[in-house]
């Protein structure tokens, strides 16, 4: 019986310690070419992924971890579309290209002084249920598309991390290069 009480106390203190653990330390990243600066968890790793301006992912931290949560940026020419028009095209493409796509919520939000359109959605990738949020804003005739990705089972845990990163985004117009 004493062993059971000891285990219950150990579990209780472990859960309390995890619940009170401080937010991960963040560091600043700047991509001068796209004019982006944002903060990400210090231990997240930058990877080179074709077609993205940047791609950061969480390192493998847990035994049995099968997926590393991530954030990436793609910069697209919007073909003279407004933010709402570009978002509409994006919604259609996501629905066409992702298996078991289910749109959860769409909304306009502000990060700093910039207006963003964001789409929360789930889909299946390699047999895993994913939960993503796609955020797009327009700057100087370009669409800046940020995607945050997590497993459906880890979404609630990483949503605050993604929100912190998204709220830290600063987009400055890159300087004009003389030709």
N, C-alpha and C. Protein backbone atom coordinates (compact mmCIF):
# COMPACT_ATOMS: atom_id res chain seq x y z
N UNK A 1 0.82 -1.19 0.00
CA UNK A 1 0.00 0.00 0.00
C UNK A 1 0.87 1.26 0.00
N UNK A 2 1.94 1.23 0.79
CA UNK A 2 2.85 2.37 0.84
C UNK A 2 3.45 2.65 -0.54
N UNK A 3 3.74 1.58 -1.29
CA UNK A 3 4.29 1.71 -2.63
C UNK A 3 3.30 2.43 -3.54
N UNK A 4 2.01 2.11 -3.42
CA UNK A 4 0.98 2.76 -4.23
C UNK A 4 0.92 4.25 -3.91
N UNK A 5 0.92 4.59 -2.62
CA UNK A 5 0.90 6.01 -2.25
C UNK A 5 2.14 6.74 -2.74
N UNK A 6 3.27 6.08 -2.66
CA UNK A 6 4.52 6.68 -3.14
C UNK A 6 4.44 6.95 -4.64
N UNK A 7 3.91 5.99 -5.37
CA UNK A 7 3.76 6.18 -6.83
C UNK A 7 2.80 7.31 -7.14
N UNK A 8 1.69 7.38 -6.41
CA UNK A 8 0.71 8.46 -6.64
C UNK A 8 1.34 9.81 -6.36
N UNK A 9 2.10 9.92 -5.25
CA UNK A 9 2.78 11.18 -4.93
C UNK A 9 3.80 11.54 -6.00
N UNK A 10 4.58 10.57 -6.45
CA UNK A 10 5.58 10.81 -7.47
C UNK A 10 4.93 11.30 -8.76
N UNK A 11 3.85 10.67 -9.18
CA UNK A 11 3.13 11.08 -10.39
C UNK A 11 2.57 12.48 -10.21
N UNK A 12 1.98 12.76 -9.04
CA UNK A 12 1.40 14.08 -8.78
C UNK A 12 2.46 15.16 -8.87
N UNK A 13 3.61 14.94 -8.23
CA UNK A 13 4.68 15.95 -8.26
C UNK A 13 5.27 16.09 -9.66
N UNK A 14 5.36 14.99 -10.40
CA UNK A 14 5.89 15.06 -11.76
C UNK A 14 4.97 15.87 -12.66
N UNK A 15 3.66 15.62 -12.55
CA UNK A 15 2.69 16.36 -13.36
C UNK A 15 2.72 17.84 -12.98
N UNK A 16 2.79 18.13 -11.69
CA UNK A 16 2.85 19.53 -11.23
C UNK A 16 4.11 20.21 -11.75
N UNK A 17 5.23 19.50 -11.73
CA UNK A 17 6.49 20.09 -12.22
C UNK A 17 6.40 20.36 -13.72
N UNK A 18 5.82 19.44 -14.46
CA UNK A 18 5.67 19.65 -15.91
C UNK A 18 4.74 20.82 -16.19
N UNK A 19 3.66 20.93 -15.44
CA UNK A 19 2.70 22.01 -15.66
C UNK A 19 3.31 23.37 -15.35
N UNK A 20 4.29 23.40 -14.44
CA UNK A 20 4.88 24.67 -14.05
C UNK A 20 6.20 24.94 -14.75
N UNK A 21 6.63 24.07 -15.66
CA UNK A 21 7.91 24.27 -16.33
C UNK A 21 7.87 25.57 -17.12
N UNK A 22 8.98 26.31 -17.11
CA UNK A 22 8.99 27.61 -17.80
C UNK A 22 8.88 27.43 -19.31
N UNK A 23 8.41 28.48 -19.95
CA UNK A 23 8.33 28.48 -21.41
C UNK A 23 9.73 28.31 -21.97
N UNK A 24 9.86 27.62 -23.10
CA UNK A 24 11.19 27.44 -23.67
C UNK A 24 11.80 28.78 -24.05
N UNK A 25 13.11 28.88 -23.86
CA UNK A 25 13.82 30.10 -24.23
C UNK A 25 13.74 30.25 -25.75
N UNK A 26 13.55 31.48 -26.21
CA UNK A 26 13.46 31.70 -27.66
C UNK A 26 14.62 32.56 -28.14
N UNK A 27 14.90 32.41 -29.43
CA UNK A 27 15.95 33.19 -30.08
C UNK A 27 15.38 33.81 -31.34
N UNK A 28 16.03 34.85 -31.81
CA UNK A 28 15.58 35.57 -32.99
C UNK A 28 16.24 35.01 -34.24
N UNK A 29 15.46 34.94 -35.31
CA UNK A 29 15.97 34.54 -36.63
C UNK A 29 15.59 35.62 -37.62
N UNK A 30 16.52 35.99 -38.48
CA UNK A 30 16.25 36.97 -39.53
C UNK A 30 16.62 36.39 -40.88
N UNK A 31 15.69 36.52 -41.83
CA UNK A 31 15.96 36.18 -43.23
C UNK A 31 15.96 37.51 -43.98
N UNK A 32 17.16 38.06 -44.20
CA UNK A 32 17.30 39.40 -44.78
C UNK A 32 16.67 39.49 -46.17
N UNK A 33 16.77 38.43 -46.94
CA UNK A 33 16.24 38.48 -48.31
C UNK A 33 14.73 38.67 -48.35
N UNK A 34 14.01 38.02 -47.44
CA UNK A 34 12.55 38.17 -47.42
C UNK A 34 12.09 39.26 -46.45
N UNK A 35 13.03 39.81 -45.65
CA UNK A 35 12.68 40.87 -44.71
C UNK A 35 11.97 40.38 -43.46
N UNK A 36 12.11 39.09 -43.14
CA UNK A 36 11.41 38.47 -42.01
C UNK A 36 12.33 38.35 -40.80
N UNK A 37 11.79 38.71 -39.65
CA UNK A 37 12.41 38.40 -38.36
C UNK A 37 11.32 37.79 -37.49
N UNK A 38 11.67 36.73 -36.77
CA UNK A 38 10.72 36.15 -35.82
C UNK A 38 11.50 35.39 -34.77
N UNK A 39 10.82 35.05 -33.68
CA UNK A 39 11.43 34.30 -32.58
C UNK A 39 10.91 32.87 -32.60
N UNK A 40 11.82 31.93 -32.31
CA UNK A 40 11.46 30.51 -32.26
C UNK A 40 12.14 29.88 -31.04
N UNK A 41 11.63 28.74 -30.58
CA UNK A 41 12.29 28.08 -29.45
C UNK A 41 13.76 27.81 -29.77
N UNK A 42 14.59 28.04 -28.78
CA UNK A 42 16.04 27.95 -28.95
C UNK A 42 16.50 26.60 -29.49
N UNK A 43 15.82 25.53 -29.13
CA UNK A 43 16.27 24.21 -29.55
C UNK A 43 15.71 23.76 -30.90
N UNK A 44 14.87 24.56 -31.54
CA UNK A 44 14.34 24.18 -32.85
C UNK A 44 15.45 24.31 -33.89
N UNK A 45 15.40 23.42 -34.87
CA UNK A 45 16.47 23.29 -35.86
C UNK A 45 16.01 23.82 -37.21
N UNK A 46 16.86 24.62 -37.85
CA UNK A 46 16.56 25.12 -39.20
C UNK A 46 17.01 24.06 -40.20
N UNK A 47 16.12 23.72 -41.12
CA UNK A 47 16.41 22.75 -42.17
C UNK A 47 16.25 23.44 -43.52
N UNK A 48 17.02 23.00 -44.50
CA UNK A 48 16.85 23.47 -45.87
C UNK A 48 15.82 22.58 -46.55
N UNK A 49 14.69 23.17 -46.90
CA UNK A 49 13.62 22.44 -47.56
C UNK A 49 13.28 23.20 -48.84
N UNK A 50 13.34 22.52 -49.96
CA UNK A 50 13.09 23.14 -51.26
C UNK A 50 11.74 23.85 -51.28
N UNK A 51 11.73 25.06 -51.83
CA UNK A 51 10.51 25.81 -51.99
C UNK A 51 10.14 26.68 -50.80
N UNK A 52 10.90 26.57 -49.69
CA UNK A 52 10.60 27.39 -48.51
C UNK A 52 11.69 28.44 -48.31
N UNK A 53 11.30 29.57 -47.72
CA UNK A 53 12.29 30.58 -47.32
C UNK A 53 13.00 30.10 -46.07
N UNK A 54 12.23 29.48 -45.17
CA UNK A 54 12.82 28.82 -44.01
C UNK A 54 11.89 27.73 -43.53
N UNK A 55 12.46 26.79 -42.80
CA UNK A 55 11.73 25.66 -42.23
C UNK A 55 12.41 25.33 -40.90
N UNK A 56 11.69 25.51 -39.80
CA UNK A 56 12.21 25.18 -38.47
C UNK A 56 11.39 24.04 -37.90
N UNK A 57 12.08 23.11 -37.24
CA UNK A 57 11.37 21.99 -36.64
C UNK A 57 11.91 21.69 -35.24
N UNK A 58 11.03 21.16 -34.45
CA UNK A 58 11.40 20.74 -33.09
C UNK A 58 12.31 19.54 -33.19
N UNK A 59 13.33 19.47 -32.34
CA UNK A 59 14.20 18.29 -32.39
C UNK A 59 13.51 17.07 -31.77
N UNK A 60 14.06 15.93 -32.03
CA UNK A 60 13.54 14.71 -31.41
C UNK A 60 13.89 14.78 -29.93
N UNK A 61 12.86 14.80 -29.07
CA UNK A 61 13.06 15.00 -27.64
C UNK A 61 12.51 13.86 -26.79
N UNK A 62 11.67 13.03 -27.36
CA UNK A 62 10.97 12.02 -26.57
C UNK A 62 11.17 10.64 -27.16
N UNK A 63 11.23 9.65 -26.31
CA UNK A 63 11.32 8.27 -26.78
C UNK A 63 10.03 7.94 -27.54
N UNK A 64 10.19 7.39 -28.72
CA UNK A 64 9.03 7.02 -29.53
C UNK A 64 8.42 8.17 -30.32
N UNK A 65 9.02 9.36 -30.26
CA UNK A 65 8.50 10.51 -31.00
C UNK A 65 8.57 10.20 -32.50
N UNK A 66 7.43 10.35 -33.18
CA UNK A 66 7.36 10.01 -34.60
C UNK A 66 7.28 11.22 -35.51
N UNK A 67 7.14 12.41 -34.94
CA UNK A 67 6.97 13.60 -35.77
C UNK A 67 7.57 14.80 -35.04
N UNK A 68 8.18 15.68 -35.78
CA UNK A 68 8.71 16.91 -35.21
C UNK A 68 7.87 18.08 -35.70
N UNK A 69 7.22 18.78 -34.78
CA UNK A 69 6.39 19.93 -35.11
C UNK A 69 7.26 20.96 -35.84
N UNK A 70 6.61 21.80 -36.68
CA UNK A 70 7.40 22.70 -37.52
C UNK A 70 6.64 23.97 -37.88
N UNK A 71 7.42 24.95 -38.36
CA UNK A 71 6.89 26.17 -38.96
C UNK A 71 7.72 26.44 -40.20
N UNK A 72 7.05 26.88 -41.27
CA UNK A 72 7.80 27.23 -42.48
C UNK A 72 7.19 28.46 -43.13
N UNK A 73 7.97 29.05 -44.02
CA UNK A 73 7.52 30.21 -44.79
C UNK A 73 7.75 29.96 -46.26
N UNK A 74 6.71 30.22 -47.05
CA UNK A 74 6.80 30.23 -48.51
C UNK A 74 6.36 31.62 -48.95
N UNK A 75 7.12 32.24 -49.86
CA UNK A 75 6.76 33.54 -50.40
C UNK A 75 6.33 33.33 -51.84
N UNK A 76 5.09 33.73 -52.15
CA UNK A 76 4.50 33.52 -53.47
C UNK A 76 4.12 34.85 -54.11
N UNK A 77 4.28 34.95 -55.43
CA UNK A 77 3.68 36.10 -56.11
C UNK A 77 2.17 35.84 -56.18
N UNK A 78 1.33 36.78 -55.74
CA UNK A 78 -0.11 36.50 -55.66
C UNK A 78 -0.90 36.73 -56.94
N UNK A 79 -0.23 37.01 -58.05
CA UNK A 79 -0.95 37.23 -59.30
C UNK A 79 -2.00 38.33 -59.16
N UNK A 80 -1.62 39.44 -58.51
CA UNK A 80 -2.50 40.61 -58.33
C UNK A 80 -3.79 40.29 -57.59
N UNK A 81 -3.74 39.33 -56.67
CA UNK A 81 -4.91 39.00 -55.87
C UNK A 81 -4.87 39.76 -54.55
N UNK A 82 -6.03 40.04 -54.01
CA UNK A 82 -6.11 40.64 -52.67
C UNK A 82 -5.84 39.53 -51.64
N UNK A 83 -5.70 39.93 -50.39
CA UNK A 83 -5.50 38.93 -49.33
C UNK A 83 -6.66 37.94 -49.28
N UNK A 84 -7.89 38.43 -49.33
CA UNK A 84 -9.05 37.53 -49.27
C UNK A 84 -9.12 36.62 -50.50
N UNK A 85 -8.79 37.16 -51.68
CA UNK A 85 -8.80 36.33 -52.89
C UNK A 85 -7.72 35.25 -52.82
N UNK A 86 -6.52 35.63 -52.38
CA UNK A 86 -5.42 34.66 -52.26
C UNK A 86 -5.78 33.58 -51.24
N UNK A 87 -6.39 33.99 -50.13
CA UNK A 87 -6.82 33.03 -49.11
C UNK A 87 -7.85 32.06 -49.68
N UNK A 88 -8.77 32.57 -50.50
CA UNK A 88 -9.77 31.70 -51.13
C UNK A 88 -9.13 30.66 -52.04
N UNK A 89 -8.15 31.09 -52.84
CA UNK A 89 -7.43 30.16 -53.71
C UNK A 89 -6.69 29.13 -52.86
N UNK A 90 -6.07 29.58 -51.76
CA UNK A 90 -5.34 28.68 -50.87
C UNK A 90 -6.26 27.64 -50.27
N UNK A 91 -7.45 28.05 -49.85
CA UNK A 91 -8.42 27.10 -49.27
C UNK A 91 -8.78 26.02 -50.29
N UNK A 92 -9.00 26.43 -51.53
CA UNK A 92 -9.35 25.48 -52.58
C UNK A 92 -8.21 24.50 -52.83
N UNK A 93 -6.96 25.02 -52.91
CA UNK A 93 -5.80 24.15 -53.17
C UNK A 93 -5.57 23.17 -52.03
N UNK A 94 -5.69 23.64 -50.79
CA UNK A 94 -5.51 22.74 -49.65
C UNK A 94 -6.52 21.60 -49.71
N UNK A 95 -7.77 21.92 -50.00
CA UNK A 95 -8.83 20.91 -50.07
C UNK A 95 -8.56 19.90 -51.19
N UNK A 96 -7.99 20.37 -52.30
CA UNK A 96 -7.71 19.49 -53.44
C UNK A 96 -6.48 18.62 -53.22
N UNK A 97 -5.49 19.14 -52.50
CA UNK A 97 -4.19 18.46 -52.43
C UNK A 97 -3.96 17.60 -51.19
N UNK A 98 -4.74 17.78 -50.13
CA UNK A 98 -4.48 17.06 -48.89
C UNK A 98 -5.53 15.99 -48.63
N UNK A 99 -5.05 14.81 -48.28
CA UNK A 99 -5.95 13.69 -48.00
C UNK A 99 -6.75 13.96 -46.73
N UNK A 100 -8.03 13.66 -46.77
CA UNK A 100 -8.93 13.81 -45.62
C UNK A 100 -8.94 15.23 -45.07
N UNK A 101 -8.81 16.22 -45.95
CA UNK A 101 -8.78 17.63 -45.54
C UNK A 101 -10.09 18.01 -44.86
N UNK A 102 -9.98 18.66 -43.70
CA UNK A 102 -11.15 19.15 -42.99
C UNK A 102 -10.82 20.55 -42.45
N UNK A 103 -11.53 21.53 -42.96
CA UNK A 103 -11.32 22.91 -42.51
C UNK A 103 -12.04 23.12 -41.18
N UNK A 104 -11.30 23.59 -40.18
CA UNK A 104 -11.88 23.78 -38.85
C UNK A 104 -12.36 25.20 -38.63
N UNK A 105 -11.57 26.17 -39.08
CA UNK A 105 -11.91 27.58 -38.83
C UNK A 105 -11.07 28.47 -39.74
N UNK A 106 -11.68 29.56 -40.20
CA UNK A 106 -10.97 30.59 -40.95
C UNK A 106 -11.25 31.92 -40.28
N UNK A 107 -10.23 32.78 -40.25
CA UNK A 107 -10.43 34.09 -39.63
C UNK A 107 -9.36 35.07 -40.06
N UNK A 108 -9.70 36.34 -39.97
CA UNK A 108 -8.73 37.42 -40.15
C UNK A 108 -8.18 37.76 -38.78
N UNK A 109 -6.87 37.91 -38.67
CA UNK A 109 -6.21 38.26 -37.41
C UNK A 109 -5.13 39.29 -37.70
N UNK A 110 -4.67 39.95 -36.64
CA UNK A 110 -3.54 40.87 -36.76
C UNK A 110 -2.40 40.34 -35.92
N UNK A 111 -1.23 40.29 -36.51
CA UNK A 111 0.01 40.03 -35.79
C UNK A 111 0.80 41.32 -35.93
N UNK A 112 0.99 42.01 -34.83
CA UNK A 112 1.60 43.34 -34.90
C UNK A 112 0.65 44.25 -35.66
N UNK A 113 1.16 44.90 -36.68
CA UNK A 113 0.33 45.82 -37.48
C UNK A 113 -0.16 45.18 -38.77
N UNK A 114 0.18 43.91 -38.99
CA UNK A 114 -0.16 43.25 -40.25
C UNK A 114 -1.44 42.43 -40.14
N UNK A 115 -2.24 42.54 -41.18
CA UNK A 115 -3.46 41.74 -41.31
C UNK A 115 -3.09 40.39 -41.92
N UNK A 116 -3.52 39.32 -41.28
CA UNK A 116 -3.30 37.96 -41.78
C UNK A 116 -4.66 37.29 -41.94
N UNK A 117 -4.73 36.35 -42.87
CA UNK A 117 -5.87 35.44 -42.96
C UNK A 117 -5.32 34.08 -42.55
N UNK A 118 -6.03 33.39 -41.66
CA UNK A 118 -5.52 32.08 -41.25
C UNK A 118 -6.59 31.02 -41.35
N UNK A 119 -6.11 29.82 -41.65
CA UNK A 119 -6.96 28.65 -41.85
C UNK A 119 -6.46 27.55 -40.91
N UNK A 120 -7.33 27.10 -40.01
CA UNK A 120 -7.04 25.94 -39.18
C UNK A 120 -7.63 24.73 -39.89
N UNK A 121 -6.85 23.66 -40.02
CA UNK A 121 -7.35 22.49 -40.72
C UNK A 121 -6.64 21.22 -40.25
N UNK A 122 -7.28 20.10 -40.52
CA UNK A 122 -6.68 18.79 -40.27
C UNK A 122 -6.62 18.03 -41.59
N UNK A 123 -5.73 17.05 -41.65
CA UNK A 123 -5.61 16.20 -42.83
C UNK A 123 -4.80 14.97 -42.42
N UNK A 124 -4.69 14.02 -43.32
CA UNK A 124 -3.92 12.81 -43.06
C UNK A 124 -2.67 12.83 -43.91
N UNK A 125 -1.52 12.56 -43.27
CA UNK A 125 -0.24 12.51 -43.97
C UNK A 125 0.51 11.27 -43.50
N UNK A 126 0.85 10.40 -44.42
CA UNK A 126 1.56 9.15 -44.10
C UNK A 126 0.88 8.39 -42.96
N UNK A 127 -0.43 8.34 -43.00
CA UNK A 127 -1.19 7.60 -42.01
C UNK A 127 -1.36 8.31 -40.67
N UNK A 128 -0.88 9.55 -40.58
CA UNK A 128 -0.97 10.30 -39.33
C UNK A 128 -1.96 11.45 -39.48
N UNK A 129 -2.76 11.66 -38.47
CA UNK A 129 -3.70 12.79 -38.45
C UNK A 129 -2.92 14.04 -38.05
N UNK A 130 -2.93 15.04 -38.92
CA UNK A 130 -2.20 16.28 -38.71
C UNK A 130 -3.17 17.41 -38.39
N UNK A 131 -2.66 18.42 -37.68
CA UNK A 131 -3.43 19.63 -37.38
C UNK A 131 -2.51 20.80 -37.73
N UNK A 132 -2.94 21.66 -38.65
CA UNK A 132 -2.12 22.76 -39.12
C UNK A 132 -2.86 24.08 -39.01
N UNK A 133 -2.08 25.16 -39.03
CA UNK A 133 -2.66 26.49 -39.23
C UNK A 133 -1.81 27.17 -40.30
N UNK A 134 -2.51 27.66 -41.31
CA UNK A 134 -1.90 28.34 -42.45
C UNK A 134 -2.22 29.82 -42.29
N UNK A 135 -1.18 30.67 -42.32
CA UNK A 135 -1.33 32.11 -42.12
C UNK A 135 -0.75 32.83 -43.32
N UNK A 136 -1.51 33.73 -43.91
CA UNK A 136 -1.01 34.45 -45.08
C UNK A 136 -1.25 35.94 -44.92
N UNK A 137 -0.26 36.71 -45.36
CA UNK A 137 -0.38 38.17 -45.40
C UNK A 137 0.25 38.64 -46.71
N UNK A 138 -0.11 39.83 -47.14
CA UNK A 138 0.42 40.39 -48.39
C UNK A 138 1.35 41.54 -48.06
N UNK A 139 2.53 41.53 -48.69
CA UNK A 139 3.51 42.60 -48.52
C UNK A 139 4.15 42.89 -49.86
N UNK A 140 4.01 44.13 -50.32
CA UNK A 140 4.63 44.57 -51.57
C UNK A 140 4.43 43.60 -52.73
N UNK A 141 3.18 43.20 -52.93
CA UNK A 141 2.85 42.35 -54.07
C UNK A 141 3.25 40.90 -53.92
N UNK A 142 3.58 40.47 -52.70
CA UNK A 142 3.93 39.07 -52.46
C UNK A 142 3.09 38.53 -51.31
N UNK A 143 2.77 37.24 -51.42
CA UNK A 143 2.05 36.56 -50.34
C UNK A 143 3.06 35.83 -49.46
N UNK A 144 3.05 36.16 -48.18
CA UNK A 144 3.91 35.50 -47.19
C UNK A 144 3.05 34.46 -46.48
N UNK A 145 3.34 33.18 -46.72
CA UNK A 145 2.52 32.08 -46.23
C UNK A 145 3.28 31.27 -45.18
N UNK A 146 2.84 31.36 -43.94
CA UNK A 146 3.44 30.64 -42.82
C UNK A 146 2.55 29.45 -42.49
N UNK A 147 3.14 28.27 -42.39
CA UNK A 147 2.38 27.09 -42.00
C UNK A 147 2.99 26.49 -40.74
N UNK A 148 2.16 26.28 -39.74
CA UNK A 148 2.55 25.62 -38.49
C UNK A 148 1.92 24.24 -38.50
N UNK A 149 2.72 23.21 -38.20
CA UNK A 149 2.25 21.84 -38.35
C UNK A 149 2.56 21.00 -37.11
N UNK A 150 1.56 20.24 -36.67
CA UNK A 150 1.70 19.34 -35.52
C UNK A 150 0.81 18.12 -35.73
N UNK A 151 1.11 17.07 -35.01
CA UNK A 151 0.19 15.95 -34.97
C UNK A 151 -1.08 16.39 -34.27
N UNK A 152 -2.20 15.81 -34.63
CA UNK A 152 -3.47 16.14 -33.97
C UNK A 152 -3.34 15.91 -32.45
N UNK A 153 -2.61 14.88 -32.07
CA UNK A 153 -2.47 14.55 -30.64
C UNK A 153 -1.58 15.53 -29.87
N UNK A 154 -0.75 16.31 -30.56
CA UNK A 154 0.13 17.27 -29.88
C UNK A 154 -0.28 18.72 -30.11
N UNK A 155 -1.33 18.93 -30.89
CA UNK A 155 -1.73 20.29 -31.26
C UNK A 155 -1.93 21.20 -30.05
N UNK A 156 -2.70 20.77 -29.07
CA UNK A 156 -2.98 21.63 -27.91
C UNK A 156 -1.70 22.01 -27.17
N UNK A 157 -0.75 21.13 -27.17
CA UNK A 157 0.54 21.41 -26.51
C UNK A 157 1.37 22.44 -27.27
N UNK A 158 1.34 22.39 -28.62
CA UNK A 158 2.20 23.25 -29.41
C UNK A 158 1.51 24.51 -29.95
N UNK A 159 0.20 24.57 -29.87
CA UNK A 159 -0.50 25.77 -30.34
C UNK A 159 0.04 27.04 -29.66
N UNK A 160 0.25 27.07 -28.34
CA UNK A 160 0.81 28.29 -27.73
C UNK A 160 2.22 28.63 -28.23
N UNK A 161 3.01 27.61 -28.54
CA UNK A 161 4.36 27.84 -29.09
C UNK A 161 4.23 28.49 -30.46
N UNK A 162 3.33 27.96 -31.30
CA UNK A 162 3.10 28.55 -32.62
C UNK A 162 2.59 29.98 -32.51
N UNK A 163 1.63 30.21 -31.61
CA UNK A 163 1.07 31.56 -31.45
C UNK A 163 2.16 32.56 -31.05
N UNK A 164 3.03 32.16 -30.16
CA UNK A 164 4.14 33.03 -29.74
C UNK A 164 5.03 33.36 -30.93
N UNK A 165 5.35 32.34 -31.74
CA UNK A 165 6.18 32.59 -32.93
C UNK A 165 5.47 33.53 -33.90
N UNK A 166 4.20 33.26 -34.17
CA UNK A 166 3.46 34.07 -35.14
C UNK A 166 3.34 35.53 -34.68
N UNK A 167 3.12 35.73 -33.39
CA UNK A 167 3.00 37.10 -32.87
C UNK A 167 4.33 37.84 -32.88
N UNK A 168 5.43 37.12 -33.01
CA UNK A 168 6.74 37.77 -33.02
C UNK A 168 7.19 38.18 -34.43
N UNK A 169 6.43 37.81 -35.45
CA UNK A 169 6.84 38.06 -36.84
C UNK A 169 6.88 39.56 -37.13
N UNK A 170 8.00 39.97 -37.72
CA UNK A 170 8.16 41.33 -38.24
C UNK A 170 8.56 41.18 -39.70
N UNK A 171 7.82 41.83 -40.57
CA UNK A 171 8.14 41.79 -42.00
C UNK A 171 8.51 43.19 -42.44
N UNK A 172 9.74 43.37 -42.84
CA UNK A 172 10.19 44.65 -43.37
C UNK A 172 10.40 44.48 -44.86
N UNK A 173 10.06 45.50 -45.59
CA UNK A 173 10.27 45.43 -47.03
C UNK A 173 11.77 45.33 -47.30
N UNK A 174 12.18 44.28 -48.02
CA UNK A 174 13.60 44.17 -48.33
C UNK A 174 14.07 45.39 -49.12
N UNK A 175 15.32 45.80 -48.93
CA UNK A 175 15.82 46.96 -49.67
C UNK A 175 15.85 46.67 -51.17
N UNK A 176 15.63 47.71 -51.94
CA UNK A 176 15.69 47.58 -53.41
C UNK A 176 17.15 47.38 -53.81
N UNK A 177 17.35 46.44 -54.73
CA UNK A 177 18.69 46.16 -55.22
C UNK A 177 18.86 46.88 -56.55
N UNK A 178 19.92 47.67 -56.67
CA UNK A 178 20.20 48.41 -57.91
C UNK A 178 20.53 47.43 -59.01
N UNK A 179 20.00 47.70 -60.20
CA UNK A 179 20.25 46.81 -61.34
C UNK A 179 21.27 47.43 -62.27
